[in-house]
Amino acid sequence: MQRERLISDEELFQRMKSDDAIALRILFNKYFPALCSFALTFVKTTDLAEEAVSDVFTNVWLKREKIEIKTNPKTYLYGAVRNQALNYLKKKNISFEEIETVVKENKASDLDADRFVAYEELKEDMDIVLQQLPEKRQLIFRMNRIDGLSYKEIAEILSLSIHTVQNQMVAAVKFLTNLQQRRS
């Protein structure tokens, strides 16, 4: 597993072009949880989010020989998941407000019971605070601070300017700082 982390995403995509199914598995394991959380912000159900992400990886594998990635692979995957999730919404006529879902990250399953409960409580508190942000600002904040995407990657995925992403992040951080100061 440690050795797998040293292989770049670019190399994994190249290996997939040579029919290396292990490279696909490595990418899948690396990005599936974060991509599901990202898809969940659009489709609002865990099953549909997982289906969207699985479909993207299936399509990547089926089209592996023809795929030309002009950005970095991580940005490509996030963009593909976004498009797939939005396509699901169009097909199923699902609105963003219809269904509420609690996001559970795979990291939590490795914790003992007490730490898991504390983790879930902290996560719920964070979600409550973040839900006070406008939807797009919340999405941008999560993509940057939770998923670790750069402003440039977020801009490419959401079809926004980098300046817009920066402004949204500044506003989010300012809001969170003010909220924390009011609570102190």
Foldseek 3Di string as FASTA:
>chain_A
DVVLVVDFLVVLLVVLLVVDVVSLVSVCVVCQQVQLVLLCLQQVDSVLSNVLLVVLSVVCNVCSNPDDDPDGPVLVSSLSSVVSSVVVCVVVVDDSPPHHDDRDGPVLVPDDPVVSVVVSVVVVVVVVLLVVAPSVLSSLCCCCVVVPDDLVSVCSSVVHDSVVSVVSPVVSVVSVVVVVVVVD
